[in-house]
């Protein structure tokens, strides 16, 4: 199934999923005092890959 979105909405959606959501999750982990190295490593990896893919797709 393919979803047809306008370019503006597509860019905002991609920015949120690839860049902002990992930063929000890191903030939530810090504020709640969640101590698990795997959680932070995966979120930082997600953020880094999001930067790479967002830059490549735009």
PDB file of N, CA and C in Angstrom:
ATOM      1  N   UNK A   1       0.839  -1.170   0.000  1.00  0.00           N
ATOM      2  CA  UNK A   1       0.000   0.000   0.000  1.00  0.00           C
ATOM      3  C   UNK A   1       0.888   1.238   0.000  1.00  0.00           C
ATOM      4  N   UNK A   2       0.633   2.150  -0.906  1.00  0.00           N
ATOM      5  CA  UNK A   2       1.418   3.367  -1.006  1.00  0.00           C
ATOM      6  C   UNK A   2       0.583   4.550  -0.550  1.00  0.00           C
ATOM      7  N   UNK A   3       1.181   5.404   0.248  1.00  0.00           N
ATOM      8  CA  UNK A   3       0.503   6.595   0.736  1.00  0.00           C
ATOM      9  C   UNK A   3       1.040   7.790  -0.034  1.00  0.00           C
ATOM     10  N   UNK A   4       0.171   8.561  -0.621  1.00  0.00           N
ATOM     11  CA  UNK A   4       0.566   9.756  -1.356  1.00  0.00           C
ATOM     12  C   UNK A   4       0.440  10.972  -0.444  1.00  0.00           C
ATOM     13  N   UNK A   5       1.568  11.564  -0.106  1.00  0.00           N
ATOM     14  CA  UNK A   5       1.592  12.753   0.742  1.00  0.00           C
ATOM     15  C   UNK A   5       2.228  13.899  -0.031  1.00  0.00           C
ATOM     16  N   UNK A   6       1.853  15.109   0.336  1.00  0.00           N
ATOM     17  CA  UNK A   6       2.524  16.248  -0.283  1.00  0.00           C
ATOM     18  C   UNK A   6       3.962  16.306   0.233  1.00  0.00           C
ATOM     19  N   UNK A   7       4.813  17.003  -0.490  1.00  0.00           N
ATOM     20  CA  UNK A   7       6.236  17.058  -0.104  1.00  0.00           C
ATOM     21  C   UNK A   7       6.434  17.694   1.260  1.00  0.00           C
ATOM     22  N   UNK A   8       5.656  18.722   1.596  1.00  0.00           N
ATOM     23  CA  UNK A   8       5.813  19.377   2.895  1.00  0.00           C
ATOM     24  C   UNK A   8       5.456  18.437   4.043  1.00  0.00           C
ATOM     25  N   UNK A   9       4.333  17.752   3.924  1.00  0.00           N
ATOM     26  CA  UNK A   9       3.918  16.828   4.976  1.00  0.00           C
ATOM     27  C   UNK A   9       4.896  15.664   5.073  1.00  0.00           C
ATOM     28  N   UNK A  10       5.368  15.176   3.949  1.00  0.00           N
ATOM     29  CA  UNK A  10       6.335  14.064   3.930  1.00  0.00           C
ATOM     30  C   UNK A  10       7.624  14.467   4.634  1.00  0.00           C
ATOM     31  N   UNK A  11       8.126  15.678   4.372  1.00  0.00           N
ATOM     32  CA  UNK A  11       9.361  16.136   5.017  1.00  0.00           C
ATOM     33  C   UNK A  11       9.180  16.308   6.523  1.00  0.00           C
ATOM     34  N   UNK A  12       8.044  16.845   6.938  1.00  0.00           N
ATOM     35  CA  UNK A  12       7.785  17.025   8.373  1.00  0.00           C
ATOM     36  C   UNK A  12       7.689  15.661   9.059  1.00  0.00           C
ATOM     37  N   UNK A  13       6.990  14.721   8.433  1.00  0.00           N
ATOM     38  CA  UNK A  13       6.845  13.374   8.990  1.00  0.00           C
ATOM     39  C   UNK A  13       8.201  12.684   9.106  1.00  0.00           C
ATOM     40  N   UNK A  14       9.012  12.774   8.062  1.00  0.00           N
ATOM     41  CA  UNK A  14      10.345  12.157   8.094  1.00  0.00           C
ATOM     42  C   UNK A  14      11.223  12.802   9.153  1.00  0.00           C
ATOM     43  N   UNK A  15      11.164  14.131   9.276  1.00  0.00           N
ATOM     44  CA  UNK A  15      11.949  14.829  10.286  1.00  0.00           C
ATOM     45  C   UNK A  15      11.562  14.363  11.681  1.00  0.00           C
ATOM     46  N   UNK A  16      10.264  14.213  11.921  1.00  0.00           N
ATOM     47  CA  UNK A  16       9.806  13.780  13.242  1.00  0.00           C
ATOM     48  C   UNK A  16      10.260  12.358  13.548  1.00  0.00           C
ATOM     49  N   UNK A  17      10.040  11.430  12.614  1.00  0.00           N
ATOM     50  CA  UNK A  17      10.362  10.022  12.848  1.00  0.00           C
ATOM     51  C   UNK A  17      11.866   9.788  12.956  1.00  0.00           C
ATOM     52  N   UNK A  18      12.651  10.457  12.125  1.00  0.00           N
ATOM     53  CA  UNK A  18      14.089  10.160  12.065  1.00  0.00           C
ATOM     54  C   UNK A  18      14.945  11.005  12.997  1.00  0.00           C
ATOM     55  N   UNK A  19      14.510  12.211  13.325  1.00  0.00           N
ATOM     56  CA  UNK A  19      15.365  13.106  14.104  1.00  0.00           C
ATOM     57  C   UNK A  19      14.754  13.437  15.473  1.00  0.00           C
ATOM     58  N   UNK A  20      13.530  13.902  15.499  1.00  0.00           N
ATOM     59  CA  UNK A  20      12.952  14.402  16.742  1.00  0.00           C
ATOM     60  C   UNK A  20      12.533  13.298  17.711  1.00  0.00           C
ATOM     61  N   UNK A  21      11.960  12.227  17.219  1.00  0.00           N
ATOM     62  CA  UNK A  21      11.510  11.154  18.110  1.00  0.00           C
ATOM     63  C   UNK A  21      12.659  10.538  18.920  1.00  0.00           C
ATOM     64  N   UNK A  22      13.821  10.245  18.321  1.00  0.00           N
ATOM     65  CA  UNK A  22      14.917   9.732  19.162  1.00  0.00           C
ATOM     66  C   UNK A  22      15.372  10.729  20.225  1.00  0.00           C
ATOM     67  N   UNK A  23      15.371  12.031  19.891  1.00  0.00           N
ATOM     68  CA  UNK A  23      15.755  13.032  20.889  1.00  0.00           C
ATOM     69  C   UNK A  23      14.739  13.101  22.023  1.00  0.00           C
ATOM     70  N   UNK A  24      13.465  12.978  21.698  1.00  0.00           N
ATOM     71  CA  UNK A  24      12.428  12.965  22.725  1.00  0.00           C
ATOM     72  C   UNK A  24      12.590  11.747  23.626  1.00  0.00           C
ATOM     73  N   UNK A  25      12.873  10.585  23.040  1.00  0.00           N
ATOM     74  CA  UNK A  25      13.054   9.373  23.839  1.00  0.00           C
ATOM     75  C   UNK A  25      14.286   9.446  24.728  1.00  0.00           C
ATOM     76  N   UNK A  26      15.350  10.070  24.255  1.00  0.00           N
ATOM     77  CA  UNK A  26      16.530  10.268  25.108  1.00  0.00           C
ATOM     78  C   UNK A  26      16.159  11.168  26.285  1.00  0.00           C
ATOM     79  N   UNK A  27      15.428  12.232  26.018  1.00  0.00           N
ATOM     80  CA  UNK A  27      14.987  13.136  27.091  1.00  0.00           C
ATOM     81  C   UNK A  27      14.099  12.439  28.108  1.00  0.00           C
ATOM     82  N   UNK A  28      13.185  11.603  27.635  1.00  0.00           N
ATOM     83  CA  UNK A  28      12.315  10.856  28.545  1.00  0.00           C
ATOM     84  C   UNK A  28      13.141   9.901  29.403  1.00  0.00           C
ATOM     85  N   UNK A  29      14.106   9.239  28.802  1.00  0.00           N
ATOM     86  CA  UNK A  29      14.965   8.332  29.564  1.00  0.00           C
ATOM     87  C   UNK A  29      15.768   9.053  30.626  1.00  0.00           C
ATOM     88  N   UNK A  30      16.265  10.232  30.300  1.00  0.00           N
ATOM     89  CA  UNK A  30      17.047  11.012  31.270  1.00  0.00           C
ATOM     90  C   UNK A  30      16.153  11.523  32.395  1.00  0.00           C
ATOM     91  N   UNK A  31      14.973  12.045  32.041  1.00  0.00           N
ATOM     92  CA  UNK A  31      14.080  12.609  33.054  1.00  0.00           C
ATOM     93  C   UNK A  31      13.524  11.547  34.003  1.00  0.00           C
ATOM     94  N   UNK A  32      13.286  10.349  33.513  1.00  0.00           N
ATOM     95  CA  UNK A  32      12.747   9.302  34.373  1.00  0.00           C
ATOM     96  C   UNK A  32      13.832   8.551  35.133  1.00  0.00           C
ATOM     97  N   UNK A  33      15.094   8.797  34.810  1.00  0.00           N
ATOM     98  CA  UNK A  33      16.187   8.125  35.503  1.00  0.00           C
ATOM     99  C   UNK A  33      16.377   6.693  35.047  1.00  0.00           C
ATOM    100  N   UNK A  34      15.956   6.393  33.833  1.00  0.00           N
ATOM    101  CA  UNK A  34      16.083   5.041  33.282  1.00  0.00           C
ATOM    102  C   UNK A  34      17.556   4.751  33.038  1.00  0.00           C
ATOM    103  N   UNK A  35      18.070   3.691  33.678  1.00  0.00           N
ATOM    104  CA  UNK A  35      19.489   3.351  33.558  1.00  0.00           C
ATOM    105  C   UNK A  35      19.601   2.006  32.852  1.00  0.00           C
ATOM    106  N   UNK A  36      19.849   2.075  31.548  1.00  0.00           N
ATOM    107  CA  UNK A  36      20.059   0.876  30.746  1.00  0.00           C
ATOM    108  C   UNK A  36      20.887   1.304  29.540  1.00  0.00           C
ATOM    109  N   UNK A  37      22.106   0.831  29.468  1.00  0.00           N
ATOM    110  CA  UNK A  37      23.012   1.251  28.398  1.00  0.00           C
ATOM    111  C   UNK A  37      22.493   0.858  27.030  1.00  0.00           C
ATOM    112  N   UNK A  38      21.875  -0.307  26.923  1.00  0.00           N
ATOM    113  CA  UNK A  38      21.344  -0.762  25.636  1.00  0.00           C
ATOM    114  C   UNK A  38      20.297   0.187  25.076  1.00  0.00           C
ATOM    115  N   UNK A  39      19.451   0.716  25.952  1.00  0.00           N
ATOM    116  CA  UNK A  39      18.419   1.676  25.543  1.00  0.00           C
ATOM    117  C   UNK A  39      19.060   2.905  24.898  1.00  0.00           C
ATOM    118  N   UNK A  40      20.040   3.474  25.563  1.00  0.00           N
ATOM    119  CA  UNK A  40      20.673   4.688  25.062  1.00  0.00           C
ATOM    120  C   UNK A  40      21.497   4.410  23.799  1.00  0.00           C
ATOM    121  N   UNK A  41      22.152   3.282  23.739  1.00  0.00           N
ATOM    122  CA  UNK A  41      22.925   2.940  22.534  1.00  0.00           C
ATOM    123  C   UNK A  41      22.007   2.802  21.331  1.00  0.00           C
ATOM    124  N   UNK A  42      20.873   2.111  21.493  1.00  0.00           N
ATOM    125  CA  UNK A  42      19.929   1.951  20.388  1.00  0.00           C
ATOM    126  C   UNK A  42      19.320   3.283  19.962  1.00  0.00           C
ATOM    127  N   UNK A  43      18.973   4.136  20.912  1.00  0.00           N
ATOM    128  CA  UNK A  43      18.380   5.435  20.574  1.00  0.00           C
ATOM    129  C   UNK A  43      19.402   6.322  19.868  1.00  0.00           C
ATOM    130  N   UNK A  44      20.640   6.326  20.315  1.00  0.00           N
ATOM    131  CA  UNK A  44      21.677   7.122  19.661  1.00  0.00           C
ATOM    132  C   UNK A  44      21.959   6.579  18.266  1.00  0.00           C
ATOM    133  N   UNK A  45      21.945   5.258  18.103  1.00  0.00           N
ATOM    134  CA  UNK A  45      22.111   4.642  16.789  1.00  0.00           C
ATOM    135  C   UNK A  45      20.957   5.052  15.869  1.00  0.00           C
ATOM    136  N   UNK A  46      19.725   5.021  16.392  1.00  0.00           N
ATOM    137  CA  UNK A  46      18.545   5.427  15.629  1.00  0.00           C
ATOM    138  C   UNK A  46      18.685   6.882  15.186  1.00  0.00           C
ATOM    139  N   UNK A  47      19.139   7.751  16.085  1.00  0.00           N
ATOM    140  CA  UNK A  47      19.332   9.169  15.757  1.00  0.00           C
ATOM    141  C   UNK A  47      20.384   9.334  14.661  1.00  0.00           C
ATOM    142  N   UNK A  48      21.510   8.644  14.781  1.00  0.00           N
ATOM    143  CA  UNK A  48      22.572   8.735  13.776  1.00  0.00           C
ATOM    144  C   UNK A  48      22.120   8.239  12.419  1.00  0.00           C
ATOM    145  N   UNK A  49      21.443   7.096  12.391  1.00  0.00           N
ATOM    146  CA  UNK A  49      20.929   6.579  11.119  1.00  0.00           C
ATOM    147  C   UNK A  49      19.855   7.497  10.558  1.00  0.00           C
ATOM    148  N   UNK A  50      19.059   8.100  11.424  1.00  0.00           N
ATOM    149  CA  UNK A  50      18.045   9.049  10.973  1.00  0.00           C
ATOM    150  C   UNK A  50      18.675  10.254  10.299  1.00  0.00           C
ATOM    151  N   UNK A  51      19.773  10.759  10.866  1.00  0.00           N
ATOM    152  CA  UNK A  51      20.479  11.875  10.233  1.00  0.00           C
ATOM    153  C   UNK A  51      20.996  11.491   8.852  1.00  0.00           C
ATOM    154  N   UNK A  52      21.579  10.304   8.758  1.00  0.00           N
ATOM    155  CA  UNK A  52      22.130   9.851   7.478  1.00  0.00           C
ATOM    156  C   UNK A  52      21.021   9.690   6.441  1.00  0.00           C
ATOM    157  N   UNK A  53      19.950   8.981   6.801  1.00  0.00           N
ATOM    158  CA  UNK A  53      18.864   8.756   5.845  1.00  0.00           C
ATOM    159  C   UNK A  53      18.119  10.032   5.506  1.00  0.00           C
ATOM    160  N   UNK A  54      17.901  10.897   6.486  1.00  0.00           N
ATOM    161  CA  UNK A  54      17.202  12.159   6.214  1.00  0.00           C
ATOM    162  C   UNK A  54      18.027  13.023   5.247  1.00  0.00           C
ATOM    163  N   UNK A  55      19.330  13.055   5.469  1.00  0.00           N
ATOM    164  CA  UNK A  55      20.190  13.818   4.563  1.00  0.00           C
ATOM    165  C   UNK A  55      20.236  13.203   3.180  1.00  0.00           C
ATOM    166  N   UNK A  56      20.223  11.895   3.089  1.00  0.00           N
ATOM    167  CA  UNK A  56      20.280  11.234   1.783  1.00  0.00           C
ATOM    168  C   UNK A  56      18.964  11.377   1.013  1.00  0.00           C
ATOM    169  N   UNK A  57      17.843  11.364   1.716  1.00  0.00           N
ATOM    170  CA  UNK A  57      16.548  11.455   1.044  1.00  0.00           C
ATOM    171  C   UNK A  57      16.169  12.872   0.676  1.00  0.00           C
ATOM    172  N   UNK A  58      16.774  13.847   1.292  1.00  0.00           N
ATOM    173  CA  UNK A  58      16.453  15.250   0.966  1.00  0.00           C
ATOM    174  C   UNK A  58      17.566  15.853   0.234  1.00  0.00           C
TER     175      UNK A  58
END
